[in-house]
Amino acid sequence: MTTLEQGFAQQRSGLFDRFLSLTRTAEKRNERIIPEDVPLHLDVPALPGFRQEAATAEPEDPGHRPLSMSAMAAPIKPISLRRDSIYAAFNTAMPVTDRHGLAGRNSELEKLVEAIVVQRKHAVIFGTRGSGKTSLARVFGDLADEAGCIALYASANGEADFDSLFRPFLTELPMSSSGQERVRKMMGEPLDVSRLSALLVEEVRERSILIIDEYDRVQSETAKQEVATLLKLLTDIHSPVQVVLVGIASDIDGLIAAHPSLRRHLAPQRVAPIPKPELERLLLACAGNARLSIDDDALDMLAGAAMGSPYHARLFGMSAALVTEAGGRDRMVLSDIEQGLSSALEDWEEMSGQTHALFRRILWEAGSVPGNGRRMIALAAVVASQMSAISYERLVKLGHEVLGGGSINEGQARDAMARLQPALVPTPNGELWMFEDTLAPQFLLLMAKQPVQSAPPVQTPAEEMRALLKGVDGL
């Protein structure tokens, strides 16, 4: 699979050339010849400063003696090769590109190959952040290459229009000579749907698959409509080109407003949570690559906390593994997992302080009133992690099934939705709600499991300002 770079190359700093210049200048200086009989003062303690000649300098006031470099900074902890292997094994920053590292996605891969390569449908890959959408798309691209197709990969951005979405693919597609000439002429003109669809049908000589990742970032409704029109045209005129859209959404409508006639030629592929046994196998593989082992109860807690998310499994596993390494051990135990989860939660607080502050306050408020609404808030986190989206109706239904019957669940569900509202965004159809930070549900559940604080949490600066504005235009 070919990845299309859309950035700009950075200019060289020229530091190496400056270094060479300084070196040549130094060679021209007068060389100092060190006599062979100069004694080596190995047993003489070095005085503060950089040069031994400081011993002959004028005496200084003892009360204002300058600190040496060693006294000004604590010793730097030596780099641990084990820590390096932990970061590499539990890597959360890069998507998986090797099918052997893509845990629990064989079924999804088989469906995509069947729908796109065999049936020649377009596809939409959707799910929450951290669910493995990009990894799935990249591994599928490699499988498509092996099947004789040419898979091209690019990422969208928030300001993308129809032209910028598809122009990067033009020079990489397997075109005829006349097609290459047409592309050269089109480079100076904006792309439109009709010309691009005609080009892809008439001039592309091999099966090609265009994968557009992060499609959810596209803001232009016009661009989305034009993409849907292009997919419809390519289907109607039997183009050798298929398009795969990848992005965050709870359903297909979250990414593309597809015409009913197009839906028959679209393969929706939701990236659902990975079953717990698959997550455990993923964690054991990562630990093995870091030369660590995991106790059974520790593995159970780690996989349970991830709630089906491979991203969270790797993140929590890495945090716990670093605790194990700091203790000089090679086996992860339950206490390591507990400390690792606390550490991961603290890191998330640094990145998502506003959402963390909201969760902390609503959990305290829910725990300080009768009925224990914390359970319903925690259930909302579980539902969001498993179904991508939540609603009052879903919470009521699952509240009866999971927490037990009784009308109190309905009130708790309404209260939970109201409290969580600032952290939610509506789905395109407006019937369901998603967490704006789709990584948040796992952290909300971790917070809900902590003991209820006796005192209310300290207000953040934003909360204090909002309190001051209370009474202004309904605040």
Protein backbone atom coordinates (compact mmCIF):
# COMPACT_ATOMS: atom_id res chain seq x y z
CA MET A 1 0.00 0.00 0.00
CA THR A 2 1.28 3.43 -0.93
CA THR A 3 0.94 6.27 1.56
CA LEU A 4 0.65 9.73 0.04
CA GLU A 5 2.60 12.42 1.89
CA GLN A 6 0.83 15.75 2.07
CA GLY A 7 3.26 17.74 4.19
CA PHE A 8 6.14 19.97 3.25
CA ALA A 9 9.78 19.00 3.60
CA GLN A 10 11.57 20.95 6.29
CA GLN A 11 14.64 22.97 5.44
CA ARG A 12 17.99 21.78 6.75
CA SER A 13 19.32 23.78 9.62
CA GLY A 14 22.89 23.84 8.31
CA LEU A 15 24.32 23.00 11.73
CA PHE A 16 26.59 20.33 10.26
CA ASP A 17 28.11 22.83 7.80
CA ARG A 18 28.68 25.31 10.64
CA PHE A 19 30.32 22.58 12.68
CA LEU A 20 32.74 21.79 9.84
CA SER A 21 33.52 25.48 9.47
CA LEU A 22 34.32 25.83 13.17
CA THR A 23 36.47 22.72 13.03
CA ARG A 24 38.54 24.09 10.14
CA THR A 25 38.97 27.38 12.02
CA ALA A 26 40.16 25.55 15.10
CA GLU A 27 42.75 23.63 13.07
CA LYS A 28 44.35 26.90 12.04
CA ARG A 29 44.90 28.00 15.64
CA ASN A 30 48.27 27.63 17.33
CA GLU A 31 48.56 24.17 18.75
CA ARG A 32 49.52 23.87 22.40
CA ILE A 33 52.16 21.28 23.09
CA ILE A 34 51.63 19.49 26.40
CA PRO A 35 55.00 18.58 28.02
CA GLU A 36 55.40 14.94 28.87
CA ASP A 37 56.46 15.74 32.44
CA VAL A 38 53.25 17.51 33.43
CA PRO A 39 51.97 15.65 36.51
CA LEU A 40 48.49 14.18 36.40
CA HIS A 41 46.58 15.37 39.47
CA LEU A 42 44.38 12.30 39.70
CA ASP A 43 44.19 12.43 43.48
CA VAL A 44 43.56 16.16 43.69
CA PRO A 45 39.84 16.90 44.06
CA ALA A 46 38.54 19.22 41.34
CA LEU A 47 37.44 22.61 42.54
CA PRO A 48 34.15 24.16 41.50
CA GLY A 49 34.13 25.38 37.93
CA PHE A 50 35.30 23.99 34.63
CA ARG A 51 39.09 24.54 34.84
CA GLN A 52 41.71 23.37 37.29
CA GLU A 53 43.31 26.83 37.09
CA ALA A 54 40.49 28.10 39.28
CA ALA A 55 42.71 27.13 42.24
CA THR A 56 44.95 30.10 41.53
CA ALA A 57 42.14 32.58 41.22
CA GLU A 58 41.46 35.17 43.84
CA PRO A 59 39.81 33.74 46.95
CA GLU A 60 36.08 34.24 47.08
CA ASP A 61 33.74 34.88 49.94
CA PRO A 62 32.91 31.43 51.36
CA GLY A 63 29.35 32.54 51.88
CA HIS A 64 28.89 33.17 48.14
CA ARG A 65 30.79 30.23 46.75
CA PRO A 66 29.37 29.23 43.31
CA LEU A 67 27.85 25.78 42.96
CA SER A 68 29.47 23.22 40.67
CA MET A 69 27.44 21.65 37.87
CA SER A 70 27.17 18.40 39.79
CA ALA A 71 25.64 20.20 42.77
CA MET A 72 23.19 22.16 40.66
CA ALA A 73 21.40 19.13 39.23
CA ALA A 74 20.44 15.74 40.53
CA PRO A 75 22.08 12.78 38.82
CA ILE A 76 20.29 11.76 35.65
CA LYS A 77 18.73 8.35 35.81
CA PRO A 78 20.46 6.06 33.31
CA ILE A 79 18.42 5.05 30.28
CA SER A 80 16.88 1.62 30.76
CA LEU A 81 16.88 -0.76 27.83
CA ARG A 82 13.91 -2.50 29.43
CA ARG A 83 11.91 0.76 29.41
CA ASP A 84 12.76 1.24 25.77
CA SER A 85 11.48 -2.25 24.98
CA ILE A 86 8.28 -1.52 26.96
CA TYR A 87 7.57 1.62 24.94
CA ALA A 88 8.19 -0.30 21.72
CA ALA A 89 6.08 -3.30 22.73
CA PHE A 90 3.04 -1.32 23.98
CA ASN A 91 3.36 1.43 21.37
CA THR A 92 0.19 3.57 21.40
CA ALA A 93 1.40 6.31 19.07
CA MET A 94 1.57 4.43 15.76
CA PRO A 95 -1.13 2.37 14.04
CA VAL A 96 -0.50 -1.31 13.44
CA THR A 97 0.75 -2.04 9.93
CA ASP A 98 1.43 -5.77 10.33
CA ARG A 99 -1.56 -8.12 10.20
CA HIS A 100 0.06 -10.26 12.89
CA GLY A 101 -0.13 -7.29 15.30
CA LEU A 102 -3.80 -6.59 14.54
CA ALA A 103 -5.54 -8.43 17.34
CA GLY A 104 -9.12 -9.66 17.02
CA ARG A 105 -9.86 -8.21 13.57
CA ASN A 106 -9.79 -11.26 11.28
CA SER A 107 -13.56 -11.13 10.78
CA GLU A 108 -13.49 -7.45 9.80
CA LEU A 109 -10.61 -8.02 7.39
CA GLU A 110 -12.40 -10.90 5.70
CA LYS A 111 -15.56 -8.80 5.27
CA LEU A 112 -13.63 -5.90 3.76
CA VAL A 113 -11.73 -8.10 1.32
CA GLU A 114 -14.95 -9.82 0.24
CA ALA A 115 -16.91 -6.57 -0.17
CA ILE A 116 -14.26 -4.37 -1.79
CA VAL A 117 -11.89 -6.68 -3.65
CA VAL A 118 -14.37 -9.37 -4.70
CA GLN A 119 -17.74 -7.55 -4.91
CA ARG A 120 -16.19 -4.22 -5.91
CA LYS A 121 -18.15 -2.16 -3.40
CA HIS A 122 -17.09 1.06 -1.75
CA ALA A 123 -16.71 0.92 2.04
CA VAL A 124 -17.04 3.03 5.16
CA ILE A 125 -14.93 2.04 8.19
CA PHE A 126 -16.19 3.75 11.36
CA GLY A 127 -15.85 3.54 15.13
CA THR A 128 -14.57 5.44 18.14
CA ARG A 129 -11.10 6.94 18.53
CA GLY A 130 -8.59 4.30 19.53
CA SER A 131 -10.70 1.40 18.25
CA GLY A 132 -8.16 0.48 15.57
CA LYS A 133 -9.78 1.95 12.42
CA THR A 134 -6.53 3.17 10.89
CA SER A 135 -4.74 -0.08 11.71
CA LEU A 136 -7.57 -2.06 10.10
CA ALA A 137 -7.50 0.14 6.97
CA ARG A 138 -3.73 -0.14 6.59
CA VAL A 139 -3.64 -3.91 6.99
CA PHE A 140 -6.55 -4.21 4.56
CA GLY A 141 -4.55 -2.12 2.07
CA ASP A 142 -1.68 -4.59 2.25
CA LEU A 143 -4.05 -7.51 1.69
CA ALA A 144 -5.57 -5.70 -1.28
CA ASP A 145 -2.09 -5.21 -2.75
CA GLU A 146 -1.44 -8.93 -2.41
CA ALA A 147 -4.74 -9.63 -4.19
CA GLY A 148 -3.52 -7.69 -7.24
CA CYS A 149 -5.04 -4.29 -6.49
CA ILE A 150 -3.21 -1.02 -5.98
CA ALA A 151 -4.15 0.49 -2.62
CA LEU A 152 -3.39 4.17 -2.05
CA TYR A 153 -3.70 5.80 1.38
CA ALA A 154 -4.09 9.47 2.38
CA SER A 155 -5.49 11.45 5.33
CA ALA A 156 -8.02 14.25 5.22
CA ASN A 157 -7.96 17.48 7.19
CA GLY A 158 -10.61 19.84 8.49
CA GLU A 159 -10.29 22.30 5.61
CA ALA A 160 -10.37 19.69 2.86
CA ASP A 161 -12.60 20.16 -0.16
CA PHE A 162 -13.33 17.70 -2.96
CA ASP A 163 -10.26 18.78 -4.91
CA SER A 164 -7.76 18.38 -2.05
CA LEU A 165 -9.23 14.99 -1.09
CA PHE A 166 -8.57 13.36 -4.46
CA ARG A 167 -5.81 15.36 -6.17
CA PRO A 168 -2.98 13.59 -4.25
CA PHE A 169 -4.07 10.25 -5.76
CA LEU A 170 -3.89 11.33 -9.40
CA THR A 171 -0.14 11.00 -9.94
CA GLU A 172 -0.04 7.58 -8.26
CA LEU A 173 -2.87 5.86 -10.09
CA PRO A 174 -1.95 3.36 -12.85
CA MET A 175 -3.00 5.48 -15.83
CA SER A 176 -2.71 4.98 -19.56
CA SER A 177 -0.44 7.37 -21.45
CA SER A 178 -3.45 9.41 -22.52
CA GLY A 179 -4.64 9.42 -18.93
CA GLN A 180 -1.31 10.76 -17.72
CA GLU A 181 -1.61 13.55 -20.25
CA ARG A 182 -5.12 14.35 -19.05
CA VAL A 183 -3.84 14.45 -15.46
CA ARG A 184 -1.12 16.94 -16.41
CA LYS A 185 -3.74 19.22 -17.93
CA MET A 186 -6.02 18.87 -14.90
CA MET A 187 -3.29 19.82 -12.44
CA GLY A 188 -3.82 23.51 -13.09
CA GLU A 189 -7.60 23.35 -12.79
CA PRO A 190 -9.95 22.52 -9.92
CA LEU A 191 -11.25 18.97 -9.89
CA ASP A 192 -14.96 18.36 -10.24
CA VAL A 193 -17.00 15.20 -9.87
CA SER A 194 -17.83 14.58 -13.53
CA ARG A 195 -14.29 15.04 -14.88
CA LEU A 196 -12.71 12.97 -12.12
CA SER A 197 -15.21 10.12 -12.48
CA ALA A 198 -14.68 10.07 -16.27
CA LEU A 199 -10.91 9.96 -15.78
CA LEU A 200 -11.10 7.11 -13.26
CA VAL A 201 -13.36 5.06 -15.53
CA GLU A 202 -11.67 5.64 -18.87
CA GLU A 203 -7.97 5.82 -18.04
CA VAL A 204 -7.20 3.70 -14.96
CA ARG A 205 -5.69 0.39 -16.14
CA GLU A 206 -5.59 -1.64 -12.90
CA ARG A 207 -7.90 -2.27 -9.96
CA SER A 208 -7.28 0.57 -7.51
CA ILE A 209 -8.54 1.34 -4.00
CA LEU A 210 -8.40 4.88 -2.59
CA ILE A 211 -8.37 4.92 1.23
CA ILE A 212 -9.16 8.29 2.83
CA ASP A 213 -8.49 8.25 6.57
CA GLU A 214 -9.77 10.76 9.14
CA TYR A 215 -12.68 11.57 6.86
CA ASP A 216 -14.67 12.71 9.91
CA ARG A 217 -12.46 15.81 10.00
CA VAL A 218 -13.93 17.12 6.73
CA GLN A 219 -16.16 20.06 7.62
CA SER A 220 -17.47 21.02 4.18
CA GLU A 221 -20.97 19.65 3.56
CA THR A 222 -20.47 20.42 -0.13
CA ALA A 223 -17.37 18.23 -0.21
CA LYS A 224 -19.26 15.39 1.50
CA GLN A 225 -22.10 15.62 -1.01
CA GLU A 226 -19.63 15.60 -3.91
CA VAL A 227 -17.87 12.54 -2.50
CA ALA A 228 -21.20 10.71 -2.25
CA THR A 229 -21.99 11.69 -5.84
CA LEU A 230 -18.59 10.44 -7.01
CA LEU A 231 -19.10 7.07 -5.33
CA LYS A 232 -22.52 6.77 -7.00
CA LEU A 233 -21.08 7.59 -10.45
CA LEU A 234 -18.15 5.18 -10.06
CA THR A 235 -20.61 2.43 -9.16
CA ASP A 236 -23.04 3.14 -12.01
CA ILE A 237 -20.35 3.14 -14.72
CA HIS A 238 -18.39 0.16 -13.36
CA SER A 239 -15.16 1.93 -12.53
CA PRO A 240 -12.06 -0.11 -11.62
CA VAL A 241 -11.64 2.27 -8.66
CA GLN A 242 -13.21 1.82 -5.23
CA VAL A 243 -13.14 4.34 -2.37
CA VAL A 244 -12.82 3.53 1.35
CA LEU A 245 -13.71 6.24 3.87
CA VAL A 246 -12.39 5.92 7.44
CA GLY A 247 -13.44 8.05 10.41
CA ILE A 248 -14.96 8.48 13.85
CA ALA A 249 -18.70 7.90 13.89
CA SER A 250 -21.37 5.82 15.58
CA ASP A 251 -22.94 4.77 12.28
CA ILE A 252 -22.54 5.22 8.54
CA ASP A 253 -24.60 8.43 8.53
CA GLY A 254 -21.92 10.01 10.69
CA LEU A 255 -19.53 9.97 7.73
CA ILE A 256 -21.52 10.04 4.52
CA ALA A 257 -25.00 11.18 3.55
CA ALA A 258 -25.56 8.30 1.14
CA HIS A 259 -28.38 8.17 -1.37
CA PRO A 260 -30.55 5.06 -0.90
CA SER A 261 -29.40 3.70 -4.26
CA LEU A 262 -25.77 4.08 -3.17
CA ARG A 263 -26.27 2.25 0.13
CA ARG A 264 -26.66 -1.02 -1.77
CA HIS A 265 -23.12 -0.58 -3.05
CA LEU A 266 -21.59 0.52 0.25
CA ALA A 267 -20.05 -1.90 2.75
CA PRO A 268 -20.34 -0.42 6.26
CA GLN A 269 -17.71 -1.79 8.61
CA ARG A 270 -18.01 -0.81 12.25
CA VAL A 271 -14.85 -1.33 14.27
CA ALA A 272 -16.46 -2.78 17.38
CA PRO A 273 -14.82 -3.42 20.75
CA ILE A 274 -12.47 -6.41 20.78
CA PRO A 275 -13.65 -9.37 22.88
CA LYS A 276 -11.88 -9.66 26.21
CA PRO A 277 -10.02 -12.91 25.35
CA GLU A 278 -8.55 -11.21 22.28
CA LEU A 279 -7.48 -8.22 24.37
CA GLU A 280 -5.80 -10.59 26.83
CA ARG A 281 -3.89 -12.23 23.98
CA LEU A 282 -2.84 -8.78 22.75
CA LEU A 283 -1.59 -7.81 26.22
CA LEU A 284 0.28 -11.10 26.67
CA ALA A 285 1.97 -10.60 23.29
CA CYS A 286 2.99 -7.03 24.17
CA ALA A 287 4.31 -8.13 27.57
CA GLY A 288 6.23 -10.98 25.98
CA ASN A 289 7.88 -8.57 23.52
CA ALA A 290 8.98 -6.52 26.55
CA ARG A 291 10.27 -9.69 28.26
CA LEU A 292 7.59 -9.47 30.96
CA SER A 293 4.90 -11.84 32.21
CA ILE A 294 1.50 -11.06 33.76
CA ASP A 295 -0.35 -12.74 36.62
CA ASP A 296 -3.82 -14.00 35.73
CA ASP A 297 -5.68 -11.64 38.06
CA ALA A 298 -3.58 -8.70 36.83
CA LEU A 299 -4.34 -9.61 33.20
CA ASP A 300 -8.06 -9.80 33.99
CA MET A 301 -8.07 -6.33 35.56
CA LEU A 302 -6.05 -4.83 32.71
CA ALA A 303 -8.24 -6.23 29.93
CA GLY A 304 -11.41 -5.31 31.84
CA ALA A 305 -10.33 -1.69 32.26
CA ALA A 306 -9.77 -1.34 28.50
CA MET A 307 -13.43 -2.29 27.78
CA GLY A 308 -12.69 -3.65 24.31
CA SER A 309 -10.36 -0.84 23.17
CA PRO A 310 -6.95 -1.95 21.87
CA TYR A 311 -5.64 1.59 22.39
CA HIS A 312 -6.56 1.63 26.08
CA ALA A 313 -5.24 -1.92 26.52
CA ARG A 314 -1.85 -0.85 25.21
CA LEU A 315 -1.89 2.42 27.16
CA PHE A 316 -2.85 0.82 30.47
CA GLY A 317 -0.50 -2.09 29.86
CA MET A 318 2.42 0.24 29.17
CA SER A 319 1.76 2.26 32.34
CA ALA A 320 1.60 -0.92 34.45
CA ALA A 321 4.70 -2.38 32.80
CA LEU A 322 6.68 0.74 33.65
CA VAL A 323 5.66 0.29 37.30
CA THR A 324 6.92 -3.31 37.15
CA GLU A 325 10.20 -2.21 35.57
CA ALA A 326 10.71 0.51 38.18
CA GLY A 327 10.40 -2.16 40.85
CA GLY A 328 13.15 -4.22 39.21
CA ARG A 329 10.79 -7.12 38.50
CA ASP A 330 9.85 -9.02 35.35
CA ARG A 331 6.35 -10.16 36.37
CA MET A 332 3.36 -7.78 36.42
CA VAL A 333 1.16 -8.25 39.48
CA LEU A 334 -2.18 -6.80 40.56
CA SER A 335 -0.63 -3.89 42.46
CA ASP A 336 1.32 -2.90 39.32
CA ILE A 337 -1.93 -2.74 37.35
CA GLU A 338 -3.58 -0.59 40.00
CA GLN A 339 -0.68 1.86 40.05
CA GLY A 340 -0.48 1.82 36.25
CA LEU A 341 -4.16 2.67 35.88
CA SER A 342 -3.76 5.56 38.35
CA SER A 343 -0.77 6.83 36.38
CA ALA A 344 -2.65 6.62 33.08
CA LEU A 345 -5.57 8.51 34.62
CA GLU A 346 -3.23 11.26 35.83
CA ASP A 347 -1.72 11.58 32.34
CA TRP A 348 -5.19 11.82 30.82
CA GLU A 349 -6.08 14.55 33.33
CA GLU A 350 -3.13 16.58 32.06
CA MET A 351 -4.36 16.28 28.46
CA SER A 352 -8.12 16.57 29.09
CA GLY A 353 -8.34 18.69 32.21
CA GLN A 354 -11.76 20.17 31.48
CA THR A 355 -13.43 16.81 30.89
CA HIS A 356 -11.66 15.30 33.91
CA ALA A 357 -12.88 18.17 36.10
CA LEU A 358 -16.44 17.66 34.87
CA PHE A 359 -16.35 13.93 35.59
CA ARG A 360 -14.86 14.50 39.03
CA ARG A 361 -17.59 16.97 39.98
CA ILE A 362 -20.58 15.04 38.65
CA LEU A 363 -19.36 11.82 40.29
CA TRP A 364 -19.02 13.61 43.63
CA GLU A 365 -22.47 15.22 43.26
CA ALA A 366 -24.05 11.89 42.26
CA GLY A 367 -22.41 10.11 45.17
CA SER A 368 -23.57 12.67 47.72
CA VAL A 369 -27.28 12.24 47.02
CA PRO A 370 -29.57 9.24 47.73
CA GLY A 371 -29.94 6.60 45.04
CA ASN A 372 -26.26 6.33 44.11
CA GLY A 373 -26.42 7.84 40.67
CA ARG A 374 -22.72 7.02 40.26
CA ARG A 375 -23.77 3.58 39.08
CA MET A 376 -25.83 5.04 36.23
CA ILE A 377 -22.99 7.39 35.24
CA ALA A 378 -20.60 4.42 35.23
CA LEU A 379 -23.12 2.46 33.15
CA ALA A 380 -23.17 5.34 30.65
CA ALA A 381 -19.40 4.96 30.30
CA VAL A 382 -19.74 1.22 29.67
CA VAL A 383 -22.53 1.72 27.11
CA ALA A 384 -20.54 4.39 25.26
CA SER A 385 -17.50 2.12 25.07
CA GLN A 386 -19.51 -0.85 23.76
CA MET A 387 -22.10 0.86 21.52
CA SER A 388 -20.28 4.11 20.60
CA ALA A 389 -23.37 6.19 21.48
CA ILE A 390 -25.75 6.57 24.41
CA SER A 391 -29.26 7.89 24.98
CA TYR A 392 -31.80 8.16 27.77
CA GLU A 393 -33.74 5.22 26.35
CA ARG A 394 -30.64 3.01 26.21
CA LEU A 395 -29.71 3.83 29.78
CA VAL A 396 -33.22 3.09 31.03
CA LYS A 397 -33.34 -0.26 29.22
CA LEU A 398 -29.87 -1.35 30.32
CA GLY A 399 -30.44 0.08 33.78
CA HIS A 400 -33.28 -2.37 34.29
CA GLU A 401 -31.23 -5.25 32.86
CA VAL A 402 -27.91 -4.53 34.56
CA LEU A 403 -28.75 -2.64 37.75
CA GLY A 404 -32.14 -4.14 38.48
CA GLY A 405 -35.72 -3.02 37.95
CA GLY A 406 -37.54 -0.13 39.55
CA SER A 407 -38.66 3.32 38.45
CA ILE A 408 -35.65 4.86 40.17
CA ASN A 409 -33.50 3.80 37.19
CA GLU A 410 -35.49 6.10 34.91
CA GLY A 411 -34.80 9.09 37.14
CA GLN A 412 -31.14 8.12 37.45
CA ALA A 413 -30.84 7.77 33.67
CA ARG A 414 -32.32 11.23 33.14
CA ASP A 415 -30.04 12.68 35.80
CA ALA A 416 -26.93 10.96 34.33
CA MET A 417 -27.65 12.28 30.83
CA ALA A 418 -28.15 15.80 32.19
CA ARG A 419 -24.91 15.72 34.17
CA LEU A 420 -22.89 14.31 31.25
CA GLN A 421 -24.37 16.71 28.70
CA PRO A 422 -21.37 19.12 28.54
CA ALA A 423 -19.13 16.21 27.51
CA LEU A 424 -21.48 14.89 24.80
CA VAL A 425 -22.14 15.73 21.15
CA PRO A 426 -25.16 14.59 19.12
CA THR A 427 -24.87 12.05 16.33
CA PRO A 428 -25.81 13.31 12.84
CA ASN A 429 -29.37 11.97 13.13
CA GLY A 430 -29.75 13.72 16.49
CA GLU A 431 -31.18 10.66 18.23
CA LEU A 432 -28.06 9.49 20.08
CA TRP A 433 -25.13 11.07 21.86
CA MET A 434 -21.39 10.39 21.74
CA PHE A 435 -18.66 11.54 24.08
CA GLU A 436 -16.88 14.42 22.39
CA ASP A 437 -13.63 12.85 23.62
CA THR A 438 -14.21 9.27 22.48
CA LEU A 439 -11.30 8.10 24.64
CA ALA A 440 -13.11 9.31 27.77
CA PRO A 441 -15.48 6.42 28.72
CA GLN A 442 -12.68 4.16 29.98
CA PHE A 443 -11.31 6.96 32.15
CA LEU A 444 -14.80 7.82 33.45
CA LEU A 445 -15.22 4.22 34.62
CA LEU A 446 -11.83 4.33 36.37
CA MET A 447 -12.90 7.51 38.17
CA ALA A 448 -16.28 6.02 39.12
CA LYS A 449 -14.52 3.11 40.84
CA GLN A 450 -12.57 5.45 43.11
CA PRO A 451 -13.94 6.11 46.63
CA VAL A 452 -16.29 9.06 47.02
CA GLN A 453 -14.44 12.07 48.41
CA SER A 454 -15.73 13.50 51.67
CA ALA A 455 -15.23 17.07 50.49
CA PRO A 456 -16.33 18.53 47.14
CA PRO A 457 -13.58 18.81 44.52
CA VAL A 458 -11.80 22.12 44.21
CA GLN A 459 -13.24 24.23 41.45
CA THR A 460 -11.15 24.77 38.35
CA PRO A 461 -10.63 28.38 37.16
CA ALA A 462 -13.23 27.83 34.43
CA GLU A 463 -15.75 26.53 36.95
CA GLU A 464 -15.12 29.49 39.23
CA MET A 465 -15.71 31.91 36.34
CA ARG A 466 -18.90 30.09 35.37
CA ALA A 467 -20.11 30.40 38.97
CA LEU A 468 -19.52 34.14 38.81
CA LEU A 469 -21.59 34.33 35.61
CA LYS A 470 -24.52 32.48 37.17
CA GLY A 471 -27.74 34.36 36.45
CA VAL A 472 -26.57 35.88 33.16
CA ASP A 473 -28.81 34.82 30.24
CA GLY A 474 -29.91 31.65 31.95
CA LEU A 475 -26.52 30.48 33.17
